[in-house]
Every structure is written in structure tokens, then in C-alpha cells.
Amino acid sequence: MTALVILGILLAVVVVLALWVVGIYNSLVALRNRFKNAFAQIDVQLKRRYDLIPNLVEVAKGYLKHESSTLEAVIKARNIAFAASQSAAANPADGNAVKGLLSAEAGLGGALSRLMVVAEQYPDLKANQNMKQLTEELTSTENKVSFARQAYNDSVMVYNTARETFPSVIFAGMFGFLPAELFKIEDPAERNAPQVKFT
């Protein structure tokens, strides 16, 4: 009789421990899915921006005939950033893909800034209604990207904290829950969104 009681207690302890591990696993899955969803929101806004940039360049082309290298640099940077965003969107949990996207976004931001500096030198371009509308849409999209980045970083922080705290840290590596990469800008000069307003 005592052996059955001890066996029953051991079985109950094993069941409780198994349920506890399952709870930790499910919690980590939910948090990982939350930060992946938050990345998808960034991706939506980045794609919108990538769609606006060729239109912006097309409008500027007629005015900036002598600035073709600037226009080509913007398109090249846009294409690199778009490819990097697709790679990161395929697996937002891949820290290297997110780092690649950050680097490509920095390049795109620099190219857009140079375009806006050059465009400032052309009063007719600044007065063009299509250019004004596109720059307003681009500015609005930049703001949305910033908010989406903040939400993503918040989700990553919660996920990383959960996977690094005890007892989750015991099982996180075992179950393949790798750390997520924050969407942060390394160079302080790149922290500002490209200026796209004409005055």
C-alpha cells in the first residue's frame, strides 16, 4: 500500500513538472509569436516606404537631370533595403537578418537624405505638387515605421526577458528559443528619420 502511495505521489510530481515545462514552452511560443507579429508591422510600413521611393525618384528625375548618381544611389539603396527586409521578414528571429536590415536601412536613410539635400536646391521641384504629396506620405510612413519599431522592440524585450529568467532559461535553449535582436540604430547620426520636408 505504501509503495502505491509513493508511486502515486511521484507520478503526480512528474505530471505537475511536465505541465510546468509545457506552460513555460507555451509562454515562450506566445512571446516569440508576438515579436514576430510586431516585426510584421514594421515590414508593412517598410514596404510602403519602398513603394513610395521609386515614385519620389521618378518625380525628381525630370528636375535633377544632372544629379543622376544621387537618384541611382537612392534606387540602389532602396533595392538593397527591400531585399534585406524580405530576408528579415522570412525569419524575424534571425538576429543576423535583422542586423542586415538595420544596415541596409541606414544606407537607405543616408541616400534619401542626400536626395533631399539636392532637391532643396531646385525651387521648381520643391514647388511640384506631386513631390510635396510624396514627401508628406514618406514623412507619415517614417513616423509609422518609428512607432512599429518601438512596438517591436518592446515585444523583443519582453520575449528576451522571459527566455533569460529562471526557470525559463533552463528550457529556452533546449527548445530552440534563441535571443531576438532589437531593431536599434547603432550610429547616433542615423537615429533621425530622413528629412523629407520642403519649405
N, C-alpha and C. Protein backbone atom coordinates (compact mmCIF):
# COMPACT_ATOMS: atom_id res chain seq x y z
N MET A 1 0.83 -1.20 0.00
CA MET A 1 0.00 0.00 0.00
C MET A 1 0.87 1.26 0.00
N THR A 2 1.91 1.30 0.82
CA THR A 2 2.79 2.46 0.87
C THR A 2 3.51 2.67 -0.46
N ALA A 3 3.87 1.60 -1.13
CA ALA A 3 4.54 1.71 -2.41
C ALA A 3 3.62 2.35 -3.44
N LEU A 4 2.34 2.03 -3.40
CA LEU A 4 1.37 2.63 -4.32
C LEU A 4 1.20 4.13 -4.04
N VAL A 5 1.19 4.50 -2.79
CA VAL A 5 1.06 5.91 -2.41
C VAL A 5 2.29 6.68 -2.90
N ILE A 6 3.47 6.10 -2.63
CA ILE A 6 4.71 6.76 -3.07
C ILE A 6 4.73 6.86 -4.59
N LEU A 7 4.34 5.79 -5.28
CA LEU A 7 4.28 5.81 -6.73
C LEU A 7 3.28 6.85 -7.23
N GLY A 8 2.13 6.94 -6.56
CA GLY A 8 1.11 7.94 -6.91
C GLY A 8 1.63 9.36 -6.73
N ILE A 9 2.35 9.59 -5.61
CA ILE A 9 2.92 10.92 -5.36
C ILE A 9 3.98 11.25 -6.40
N LEU A 10 4.86 10.30 -6.72
CA LEU A 10 5.88 10.52 -7.75
C LEU A 10 5.25 10.81 -9.11
N LEU A 11 4.20 10.06 -9.43
CA LEU A 11 3.50 10.29 -10.69
C LEU A 11 2.88 11.69 -10.72
N ALA A 12 2.29 12.09 -9.60
CA ALA A 12 1.69 13.42 -9.51
C ALA A 12 2.76 14.51 -9.67
N VAL A 13 3.92 14.31 -9.05
CA VAL A 13 5.02 15.28 -9.16
C VAL A 13 5.51 15.35 -10.61
N VAL A 14 5.63 14.20 -11.27
CA VAL A 14 6.07 14.17 -12.67
C VAL A 14 5.04 14.90 -13.55
N VAL A 15 3.77 14.67 -13.32
CA VAL A 15 2.72 15.32 -14.10
C VAL A 15 2.76 16.84 -13.88
N VAL A 16 2.91 17.27 -12.63
CA VAL A 16 2.98 18.71 -12.32
C VAL A 16 4.21 19.32 -12.99
N LEU A 17 5.37 18.65 -12.92
CA LEU A 17 6.57 19.16 -13.56
C LEU A 17 6.40 19.23 -15.08
N ALA A 18 5.78 18.21 -15.66
CA ALA A 18 5.55 18.21 -17.10
C ALA A 18 4.63 19.36 -17.49
N LEU A 19 3.57 19.58 -16.73
CA LEU A 19 2.66 20.70 -17.01
C LEU A 19 3.37 22.04 -16.85
N TRP A 20 4.25 22.12 -15.88
CA TRP A 20 5.03 23.34 -15.65
C TRP A 20 5.93 23.64 -16.85
N VAL A 21 6.64 22.62 -17.37
CA VAL A 21 7.51 22.78 -18.53
C VAL A 21 6.67 23.15 -19.76
N VAL A 22 5.53 22.50 -19.94
CA VAL A 22 4.65 22.82 -21.06
C VAL A 22 4.19 24.27 -20.97
N GLY A 23 3.88 24.73 -19.76
CA GLY A 23 3.47 26.12 -19.56
C GLY A 23 4.57 27.09 -19.95
N ILE A 24 5.81 26.79 -19.56
CA ILE A 24 6.95 27.63 -19.93
C ILE A 24 7.12 27.64 -21.44
N TYR A 25 7.06 26.47 -22.05
CA TYR A 25 7.21 26.36 -23.51
C TYR A 25 6.13 27.18 -24.22
N ASN A 26 4.89 27.01 -23.80
CA ASN A 26 3.78 27.73 -24.44
C ASN A 26 3.91 29.24 -24.26
N SER A 27 4.38 29.65 -23.11
CA SER A 27 4.58 31.08 -22.85
C SER A 27 5.65 31.64 -23.78
N LEU A 28 6.75 30.92 -23.95
CA LEU A 28 7.82 31.37 -24.85
C LEU A 28 7.34 31.40 -26.31
N VAL A 29 6.54 30.43 -26.70
CA VAL A 29 5.99 30.42 -28.06
C VAL A 29 5.11 31.65 -28.27
N ALA A 30 4.26 31.94 -27.30
CA ALA A 30 3.36 33.10 -27.43
C ALA A 30 4.16 34.40 -27.53
N LEU A 31 5.20 34.54 -26.72
CA LEU A 31 6.01 35.75 -26.75
C LEU A 31 6.80 35.86 -28.06
N ARG A 32 7.31 34.73 -28.55
CA ARG A 32 8.03 34.75 -29.83
C ARG A 32 7.08 35.14 -30.96
N ASN A 33 5.88 34.61 -30.95
CA ASN A 33 4.90 34.96 -31.98
C ASN A 33 4.52 36.43 -31.89
N ARG A 34 4.47 36.96 -30.69
CA ARG A 34 4.13 38.38 -30.52
C ARG A 34 5.21 39.27 -31.14
N PHE A 35 6.49 38.95 -30.92
CA PHE A 35 7.51 39.82 -31.51
C PHE A 35 7.60 39.61 -33.02
N LYS A 36 7.30 38.41 -33.50
CA LYS A 36 7.26 38.20 -34.96
C LYS A 36 6.12 39.01 -35.58
N ASN A 37 4.99 39.06 -34.91
CA ASN A 37 3.88 39.88 -35.39
C ASN A 37 4.26 41.37 -35.37
N ALA A 38 4.95 41.78 -34.33
CA ALA A 38 5.38 43.18 -34.25
C ALA A 38 6.35 43.49 -35.40
N PHE A 39 7.20 42.54 -35.75
CA PHE A 39 8.10 42.76 -36.89
C PHE A 39 7.29 42.88 -38.18
N ALA A 40 6.24 42.09 -38.30
CA ALA A 40 5.39 42.16 -39.50
C ALA A 40 4.80 43.55 -39.67
N GLN A 41 4.53 44.24 -38.56
CA GLN A 41 4.01 45.61 -38.64
C GLN A 41 5.07 46.57 -39.18
N ILE A 42 6.32 46.36 -38.77
CA ILE A 42 7.42 47.16 -39.33
C ILE A 42 7.52 46.88 -40.83
N ASP A 43 7.44 45.60 -41.17
CA ASP A 43 7.58 45.19 -42.56
C ASP A 43 6.53 45.85 -43.45
N VAL A 44 5.31 45.95 -42.97
CA VAL A 44 4.24 46.60 -43.73
C VAL A 44 4.61 48.05 -44.05
N GLN A 45 5.10 48.75 -43.03
CA GLN A 45 5.44 50.16 -43.23
C GLN A 45 6.69 50.32 -44.11
N LEU A 46 7.66 49.42 -43.94
CA LEU A 46 8.85 49.49 -44.79
C LEU A 46 8.48 49.25 -46.25
N LYS A 47 7.60 48.30 -46.51
CA LYS A 47 7.18 48.04 -47.89
C LYS A 47 6.47 49.26 -48.47
N ARG A 48 5.67 49.91 -47.65
CA ARG A 48 5.00 51.13 -48.12
C ARG A 48 6.05 52.17 -48.50
N ARG A 49 7.06 52.32 -47.67
CA ARG A 49 8.12 53.29 -47.96
C ARG A 49 8.87 52.88 -49.23
N TYR A 50 9.18 51.58 -49.36
CA TYR A 50 9.89 51.12 -50.56
C TYR A 50 9.06 51.38 -51.82
N ASP A 51 7.74 51.32 -51.70
CA ASP A 51 6.88 51.61 -52.84
C ASP A 51 6.84 53.10 -53.17
N LEU A 52 6.97 53.95 -52.16
CA LEU A 52 6.94 55.40 -52.39
C LEU A 52 8.24 55.93 -53.01
N ILE A 53 9.35 55.32 -52.68
CA ILE A 53 10.64 55.85 -53.10
C ILE A 53 10.78 55.91 -54.62
N PRO A 54 10.43 54.85 -55.38
CA PRO A 54 10.56 54.98 -56.85
C PRO A 54 9.70 56.11 -57.41
N ASN A 55 8.52 56.33 -56.83
CA ASN A 55 7.67 57.44 -57.28
C ASN A 55 8.35 58.77 -57.00
N LEU A 56 8.95 58.89 -55.85
CA LEU A 56 9.66 60.11 -55.47
C LEU A 56 10.82 60.36 -56.44
N VAL A 57 11.57 59.32 -56.72
CA VAL A 57 12.70 59.45 -57.64
C VAL A 57 12.20 59.80 -59.05
N GLU A 58 11.11 59.20 -59.46
CA GLU A 58 10.56 59.46 -60.80
C GLU A 58 10.16 60.93 -60.94
N VAL A 59 9.52 61.49 -59.93
CA VAL A 59 9.13 62.90 -59.96
C VAL A 59 10.38 63.78 -59.99
N ALA A 60 11.38 63.41 -59.19
CA ALA A 60 12.59 64.22 -59.11
C ALA A 60 13.44 64.12 -60.37
N LYS A 61 13.32 63.02 -61.10
CA LYS A 61 14.16 62.78 -62.29
C LYS A 61 14.12 63.93 -63.29
N GLY A 62 12.94 64.42 -63.56
CA GLY A 62 12.80 65.49 -64.54
C GLY A 62 13.53 66.76 -64.14
N TYR A 63 13.66 66.99 -62.86
CA TYR A 63 14.29 68.22 -62.38
C TYR A 63 15.78 68.03 -62.10
N LEU A 64 16.16 66.82 -61.77
CA LEU A 64 17.53 66.57 -61.33
C LEU A 64 18.33 65.82 -62.39
N LYS A 65 18.26 66.28 -63.61
CA LYS A 65 18.95 65.59 -64.72
C LYS A 65 20.45 65.48 -64.47
N HIS A 66 21.02 66.47 -63.81
CA HIS A 66 22.47 66.46 -63.57
C HIS A 66 22.84 65.76 -62.28
N GLU A 67 21.87 65.19 -61.63
CA GLU A 67 22.10 64.51 -60.35
C GLU A 67 21.76 63.02 -60.45
N SER A 68 22.03 62.43 -61.60
CA SER A 68 21.63 61.04 -61.82
C SER A 68 22.30 60.09 -60.84
N SER A 69 23.52 60.38 -60.42
CA SER A 69 24.20 59.49 -59.47
C SER A 69 23.47 59.46 -58.13
N THR A 70 22.91 60.59 -57.72
CA THR A 70 22.13 60.63 -56.47
C THR A 70 20.88 59.79 -56.61
N LEU A 71 20.19 59.93 -57.73
CA LEU A 71 18.97 59.16 -57.96
C LEU A 71 19.26 57.67 -58.02
N GLU A 72 20.35 57.30 -58.70
CA GLU A 72 20.73 55.90 -58.80
C GLU A 72 21.09 55.34 -57.42
N ALA A 73 21.76 56.15 -56.60
CA ALA A 73 22.13 55.70 -55.26
C ALA A 73 20.89 55.43 -54.41
N VAL A 74 19.86 56.26 -54.56
CA VAL A 74 18.62 56.06 -53.81
C VAL A 74 17.96 54.76 -54.24
N ILE A 75 17.86 54.54 -55.54
CA ILE A 75 17.22 53.32 -56.04
C ILE A 75 18.02 52.09 -55.62
N LYS A 76 19.34 52.16 -55.71
CA LYS A 76 20.18 51.03 -55.31
C LYS A 76 20.00 50.73 -53.81
N ALA A 77 20.03 51.78 -52.99
CA ALA A 77 19.86 51.60 -51.55
C ALA A 77 18.47 51.06 -51.23
N ARG A 78 17.47 51.51 -51.97
CA ARG A 78 16.10 51.01 -51.78
C ARG A 78 16.03 49.53 -52.10
N ASN A 79 16.66 49.11 -53.19
CA ASN A 79 16.63 47.70 -53.58
C ASN A 79 17.36 46.82 -52.57
N ILE A 80 18.48 47.30 -52.05
CA ILE A 80 19.22 46.55 -51.03
C ILE A 80 18.38 46.43 -49.76
N ALA A 81 17.76 47.53 -49.35
CA ALA A 81 16.93 47.51 -48.14
C ALA A 81 15.72 46.61 -48.33
N PHE A 82 15.12 46.64 -49.51
CA PHE A 82 13.96 45.79 -49.78
C PHE A 82 14.34 44.32 -49.68
N ALA A 83 15.48 43.94 -50.27
CA ALA A 83 15.94 42.55 -50.20
C ALA A 83 16.24 42.16 -48.75
N ALA A 84 16.86 43.06 -48.00
CA ALA A 84 17.16 42.78 -46.59
C ALA A 84 15.88 42.64 -45.77
N SER A 85 14.87 43.44 -46.10
CA SER A 85 13.60 43.35 -45.36
C SER A 85 12.90 42.03 -45.64
N GLN A 86 13.01 41.54 -46.87
CA GLN A 86 12.39 40.25 -47.19
C GLN A 86 13.09 39.13 -46.44
N SER A 87 14.40 39.21 -46.34
CA SER A 87 15.17 38.21 -45.60
C SER A 87 14.80 38.23 -44.12
N ALA A 88 14.71 39.43 -43.55
CA ALA A 88 14.35 39.55 -42.13
C ALA A 88 12.90 39.15 -41.89
N ALA A 89 12.01 39.47 -42.82
CA ALA A 89 10.60 39.12 -42.66
C ALA A 89 10.40 37.61 -42.72
N ALA A 90 11.26 36.92 -43.47
CA ALA A 90 11.15 35.46 -43.56
C ALA A 90 11.40 34.81 -42.21
N ASN A 91 12.26 35.43 -41.38
CA ASN A 91 12.52 34.89 -40.04
C ASN A 91 12.98 36.02 -39.13
N PRO A 92 12.04 36.74 -38.52
CA PRO A 92 12.41 37.85 -37.63
C PRO A 92 13.22 37.41 -36.42
N ALA A 93 13.24 36.11 -36.13
CA ALA A 93 14.02 35.61 -35.01
C ALA A 93 15.50 35.47 -35.36
N ASP A 94 15.85 35.61 -36.64
CA ASP A 94 17.23 35.52 -37.08
C ASP A 94 17.92 36.86 -36.85
N GLY A 95 18.75 36.92 -35.83
CA GLY A 95 19.42 38.17 -35.48
C GLY A 95 20.27 38.73 -36.60
N ASN A 96 20.92 37.86 -37.38
CA ASN A 96 21.76 38.33 -38.48
C ASN A 96 20.93 38.99 -39.57
N ALA A 97 19.75 38.45 -39.85
CA ALA A 97 18.88 39.05 -40.87
C ALA A 97 18.40 40.43 -40.41
N VAL A 98 18.08 40.55 -39.13
CA VAL A 98 17.63 41.85 -38.60
C VAL A 98 18.79 42.85 -38.64
N LYS A 99 20.00 42.39 -38.30
CA LYS A 99 21.17 43.28 -38.37
C LYS A 99 21.42 43.72 -39.82
N GLY A 100 21.25 42.81 -40.77
CA GLY A 100 21.41 43.15 -42.18
C GLY A 100 20.39 44.20 -42.60
N LEU A 101 19.16 44.06 -42.12
CA LEU A 101 18.13 45.04 -42.42
C LEU A 101 18.48 46.39 -41.83
N LEU A 102 18.97 46.41 -40.60
CA LEU A 102 19.36 47.66 -39.97
C LEU A 102 20.44 48.37 -40.77
N SER A 103 21.42 47.61 -41.23
CA SER A 103 22.50 48.19 -42.02
C SER A 103 21.96 48.74 -43.35
N ALA A 104 21.10 47.97 -44.00
CA ALA A 104 20.53 48.42 -45.28
C ALA A 104 19.65 49.64 -45.08
N GLU A 105 18.90 49.68 -43.98
CA GLU A 105 18.06 50.84 -43.70
C GLU A 105 18.90 52.08 -43.45
N ALA A 106 20.05 51.91 -42.81
CA ALA A 106 20.94 53.05 -42.58
C ALA A 106 21.44 53.60 -43.93
N GLY A 107 21.78 52.71 -44.84
CA GLY A 107 22.21 53.13 -46.17
C GLY A 107 21.11 53.85 -46.92
N LEU A 108 19.90 53.34 -46.82
CA LEU A 108 18.76 53.97 -47.49
C LEU A 108 18.49 55.34 -46.89
N GLY A 109 18.54 55.44 -45.58
CA GLY A 109 18.31 56.74 -44.93
C GLY A 109 19.33 57.78 -45.38
N GLY A 110 20.58 57.36 -45.50
CA GLY A 110 21.62 58.28 -45.97
C GLY A 110 21.38 58.72 -47.40
N ALA A 111 20.99 57.77 -48.27
CA ALA A 111 20.74 58.10 -49.67
C ALA A 111 19.54 59.04 -49.80
N LEU A 112 18.49 58.79 -49.02
CA LEU A 112 17.31 59.67 -49.05
C LEU A 112 17.66 61.06 -48.55
N SER A 113 18.48 61.14 -47.52
CA SER A 113 18.89 62.45 -47.01
C SER A 113 19.65 63.23 -48.07
N ARG A 114 20.56 62.54 -48.78
CA ARG A 114 21.31 63.22 -49.85
C ARG A 114 20.37 63.70 -50.95
N LEU A 115 19.37 62.88 -51.29
CA LEU A 115 18.39 63.28 -52.31
C LEU A 115 17.66 64.54 -51.87
N MET A 116 17.26 64.59 -50.61
CA MET A 116 16.50 65.75 -50.12
C MET A 116 17.37 67.00 -50.10
N VAL A 117 18.66 66.84 -49.78
CA VAL A 117 19.57 68.00 -49.79
C VAL A 117 19.70 68.52 -51.21
N VAL A 118 19.86 67.62 -52.17
CA VAL A 118 19.98 68.04 -53.57
C VAL A 118 18.67 68.66 -54.03
N ALA A 119 17.54 68.06 -53.67
CA ALA A 119 16.23 68.56 -54.11
C ALA A 119 15.96 69.96 -53.57
N GLU A 120 16.51 70.28 -52.42
CA GLU A 120 16.33 71.62 -51.84
C GLU A 120 16.90 72.70 -52.76
N GLN A 121 17.84 72.34 -53.60
CA GLN A 121 18.50 73.31 -54.48
C GLN A 121 17.68 73.61 -55.74
N TYR A 122 16.54 72.95 -55.90
CA TYR A 122 15.71 73.11 -57.10
C TYR A 122 14.33 73.64 -56.70
N PRO A 123 14.12 74.95 -56.78
CA PRO A 123 12.85 75.54 -56.34
C PRO A 123 11.64 74.99 -57.09
N ASP A 124 11.80 74.69 -58.38
CA ASP A 124 10.66 74.15 -59.14
C ASP A 124 10.27 72.77 -58.61
N LEU A 125 11.25 71.99 -58.24
CA LEU A 125 10.97 70.66 -57.69
C LEU A 125 10.29 70.78 -56.33
N LYS A 126 10.76 71.70 -55.51
CA LYS A 126 10.16 71.91 -54.19
C LYS A 126 8.69 72.32 -54.32
N ALA A 127 8.38 73.05 -55.40
CA ALA A 127 7.01 73.55 -55.59
C ALA A 127 6.11 72.52 -56.27
N ASN A 128 6.67 71.46 -56.81
CA ASN A 128 5.89 70.44 -57.52
C ASN A 128 4.91 69.76 -56.56
N GLN A 129 3.63 69.75 -56.95
CA GLN A 129 2.59 69.20 -56.08
C GLN A 129 2.79 67.70 -55.82
N ASN A 130 3.17 66.95 -56.85
CA ASN A 130 3.41 65.52 -56.66
C ASN A 130 4.55 65.27 -55.68
N MET A 131 5.61 66.09 -55.79
CA MET A 131 6.75 65.95 -54.88
C MET A 131 6.33 66.25 -53.46
N LYS A 132 5.54 67.30 -53.29
CA LYS A 132 5.06 67.64 -51.94
C LYS A 132 4.24 66.51 -51.35
N GLN A 133 3.32 65.96 -52.16
CA GLN A 133 2.46 64.88 -51.68
C GLN A 133 3.29 63.63 -51.33
N LEU A 134 4.24 63.29 -52.18
CA LEU A 134 5.06 62.11 -51.92
C LEU A 134 5.92 62.29 -50.67
N THR A 135 6.47 63.49 -50.49
CA THR A 135 7.29 63.71 -49.30
C THR A 135 6.44 63.69 -48.03
N GLU A 136 5.21 64.18 -48.11
CA GLU A 136 4.31 64.10 -46.95
C GLU A 136 3.98 62.64 -46.63
N GLU A 137 3.71 61.85 -47.66
CA GLU A 137 3.42 60.43 -47.45
C GLU A 137 4.64 59.71 -46.89
N LEU A 138 5.81 60.06 -47.38
CA LEU A 138 7.04 59.44 -46.89
C LEU A 138 7.30 59.83 -45.44
N THR A 139 7.05 61.08 -45.10
CA THR A 139 7.21 61.51 -43.71
C THR A 139 6.24 60.78 -42.81
N SER A 140 4.99 60.65 -43.23
CA SER A 140 3.99 59.92 -42.47
C SER A 140 4.41 58.46 -42.28
N THR A 141 4.93 57.87 -43.35
CA THR A 141 5.36 56.48 -43.28
C THR A 141 6.55 56.34 -42.34
N GLU A 142 7.48 57.30 -42.36
CA GLU A 142 8.62 57.26 -41.45
C GLU A 142 8.14 57.27 -39.99
N ASN A 143 7.13 58.07 -39.71
CA ASN A 143 6.58 58.09 -38.35
C ASN A 143 5.97 56.75 -37.98
N LYS A 144 5.25 56.13 -38.92
CA LYS A 144 4.66 54.82 -38.66
C LYS A 144 5.73 53.76 -38.46
N VAL A 145 6.81 53.85 -39.21
CA VAL A 145 7.92 52.92 -39.04
C VAL A 145 8.50 53.07 -37.63
N SER A 146 8.65 54.30 -37.18
CA SER A 146 9.18 54.54 -35.84
C SER A 146 8.30 53.92 -34.76
N PHE A 147 6.99 54.10 -34.88
CA PHE A 147 6.08 53.52 -33.90
C PHE A 147 6.11 51.99 -33.96
N ALA A 148 6.19 51.44 -35.17
CA ALA A 148 6.24 49.99 -35.32
C ALA A 148 7.53 49.43 -34.74
N ARG A 149 8.64 50.15 -34.92
CA ARG A 149 9.93 49.73 -34.33
C ARG A 149 9.83 49.70 -32.81
N GLN A 150 9.20 50.72 -32.26
CA GLN A 150 9.07 50.78 -30.81
C GLN A 150 8.25 49.60 -30.29
N ALA A 151 7.14 49.28 -30.95
CA ALA A 151 6.32 48.15 -30.53
C ALA A 151 7.09 46.84 -30.67
N TYR A 152 7.85 46.71 -31.75
CA TYR A 152 8.67 45.51 -31.96
C TYR A 152 9.70 45.38 -30.85
N ASN A 153 10.43 46.46 -30.56
CA ASN A 153 11.46 46.42 -29.53
C ASN A 153 10.86 46.09 -28.16
N ASP A 154 9.67 46.61 -27.88
CA ASP A 154 9.00 46.27 -26.62
C ASP A 154 8.71 44.77 -26.56
N SER A 155 8.22 44.21 -27.66
CA SER A 155 7.91 42.78 -27.70
C SER A 155 9.17 41.94 -27.58
N VAL A 156 10.24 42.37 -28.23
CA VAL A 156 11.51 41.65 -28.13
C VAL A 156 12.04 41.68 -26.70
N MET A 157 11.91 42.84 -26.05
CA MET A 157 12.39 42.95 -24.68
C MET A 157 11.63 41.98 -23.76
N VAL A 158 10.32 41.92 -23.91
CA VAL A 158 9.52 41.01 -23.08
C VAL A 158 9.93 39.56 -23.35
N TYR A 159 10.08 39.21 -24.62
CA TYR A 159 10.48 37.85 -25.00
C TYR A 159 11.85 37.50 -24.44
N ASN A 160 12.84 38.39 -24.69
CA ASN A 160 14.20 38.12 -24.22
C ASN A 160 14.26 38.02 -22.70
N THR A 161 13.51 38.87 -22.03
CA THR A 161 13.47 38.82 -20.56
C THR A 161 12.89 37.48 -20.10
N ALA A 162 11.80 37.07 -20.73
CA ALA A 162 11.17 35.80 -20.35
C ALA A 162 12.10 34.62 -20.59
N ARG A 163 12.82 34.62 -21.70
CA ARG A 163 13.68 33.47 -22.01
C ARG A 163 14.96 33.48 -21.18
N GLU A 164 15.32 34.62 -20.60
CA GLU A 164 16.56 34.71 -19.82
C GLU A 164 16.35 34.59 -18.32
N THR A 165 15.10 34.58 -17.88
CA THR A 165 14.84 34.49 -16.45
C THR A 165 14.62 33.05 -16.03
N PHE A 166 14.90 32.80 -14.78
CA PHE A 166 14.70 31.46 -14.23
C PHE A 166 13.22 31.24 -14.00
N PRO A 167 12.67 30.14 -14.33
CA PRO A 167 13.24 28.87 -14.78
C PRO A 167 13.25 28.72 -16.30
N SER A 168 12.74 29.71 -17.04
CA SER A 168 12.66 29.60 -18.50
C SER A 168 14.03 29.41 -19.13
N VAL A 169 15.05 30.02 -18.55
CA VAL A 169 16.39 29.94 -19.11
C VAL A 169 16.86 28.49 -19.20
N ILE A 170 16.38 27.65 -18.33
CA ILE A 170 16.76 26.23 -18.34
C ILE A 170 16.26 25.55 -19.61
N PHE A 171 15.06 25.92 -20.03
CA PHE A 171 14.42 25.22 -21.15
C PHE A 171 14.51 25.98 -22.48
N ALA A 172 14.78 27.29 -22.45
CA ALA A 172 14.76 28.10 -23.67
C ALA A 172 15.75 27.57 -24.72
N GLY A 173 16.98 27.36 -24.31
CA GLY A 173 17.97 26.85 -25.24
C GLY A 173 17.66 25.44 -25.69
N MET A 174 17.17 24.65 -24.77
CA MET A 174 16.83 23.26 -25.06
C MET A 174 15.74 23.17 -26.14
N PHE A 175 14.80 24.09 -26.11
CA PHE A 175 13.68 24.08 -27.05
C PHE A 175 13.92 24.98 -28.27
N GLY A 176 15.12 25.57 -28.38
CA GLY A 176 15.46 26.36 -29.56
C GLY A 176 14.96 27.80 -29.54
N PHE A 177 14.72 28.35 -28.37
CA PHE A 177 14.29 29.75 -28.28
C PHE A 177 15.54 30.62 -28.17
N LEU A 178 15.98 31.14 -29.31
CA LEU A 178 17.18 31.96 -29.37
C LEU A 178 16.83 33.41 -29.04
N PRO A 179 17.84 34.19 -28.62
CA PRO A 179 17.55 35.60 -28.34
C PRO A 179 17.11 36.33 -29.60
N ALA A 180 16.23 37.28 -29.44
CA ALA A 180 15.77 38.10 -30.56
C ALA A 180 16.60 39.38 -30.60
N GLU A 181 16.75 39.91 -31.79
CA GLU A 181 17.55 41.12 -32.00
C GLU A 181 16.66 42.35 -31.95
N LEU A 182 17.07 43.35 -31.17
CA LEU A 182 16.35 44.62 -31.14
C LEU A 182 16.56 45.35 -32.46
N PHE A 183 15.57 46.12 -32.85
CA PHE A 183 15.66 46.94 -34.06
C PHE A 183 16.22 48.28 -33.61
N LYS A 184 17.54 48.35 -33.49
CA LYS A 184 18.16 49.57 -32.98
C LYS A 184 19.13 50.13 -33.99
N ILE A 185 19.37 51.39 -33.87
CA ILE A 185 20.27 52.09 -34.78
C ILE A 185 21.57 52.33 -34.03
N GLU A 186 22.66 51.84 -34.62
CA GLU A 186 23.96 51.91 -33.95
C GLU A 186 24.58 53.30 -34.03
N ASP A 187 24.51 53.93 -35.20
CA ASP A 187 25.14 55.23 -35.40
C ASP A 187 24.18 56.33 -34.95
N PRO A 188 24.56 57.13 -33.95
CA PRO A 188 23.65 58.17 -33.46
C PRO A 188 23.19 59.14 -34.54
N ALA A 189 23.99 59.36 -35.58
CA ALA A 189 23.59 60.27 -36.66
C ALA A 189 22.43 59.69 -37.47
N GLU A 190 22.26 58.36 -37.42
CA GLU A 190 21.21 57.72 -38.19
C GLU A 190 19.90 57.61 -37.41
N ARG A 191 19.89 58.06 -36.17
CA ARG A 191 18.70 57.93 -35.35
C ARG A 191 17.55 58.80 -35.84
N ASN A 192 17.87 59.86 -36.55
CA ASN A 192 16.83 60.74 -37.05
C ASN A 192 16.31 60.21 -38.38
N ALA A 193 15.00 60.32 -38.58
CA ALA A 193 14.42 59.92 -39.84
C ALA A 193 14.91 60.86 -40.94
N PRO A 194 15.01 60.36 -42.16
CA PRO A 194 15.41 61.26 -43.25
C PRO A 194 14.46 62.45 -43.33
N GLN A 195 15.04 63.62 -43.49
CA GLN A 195 14.22 64.82 -43.59
C GLN A 195 13.67 64.91 -45.00
N VAL A 196 12.36 64.91 -45.12
CA VAL A 196 11.74 64.90 -46.44
C VAL A 196 10.77 66.06 -46.62
N LYS A 197 10.92 67.13 -45.81
CA LYS A 197 10.02 68.26 -45.93
C LYS A 197 10.65 69.32 -46.79
N PHE A 198 9.82 69.94 -47.62
CA PHE A 198 10.25 71.09 -48.39
C PHE A 198 9.59 72.32 -47.78
N THR A 199 10.37 73.36 -47.64
CA THR A 199 9.81 74.60 -47.07
C THR A 199 9.74 75.68 -48.10
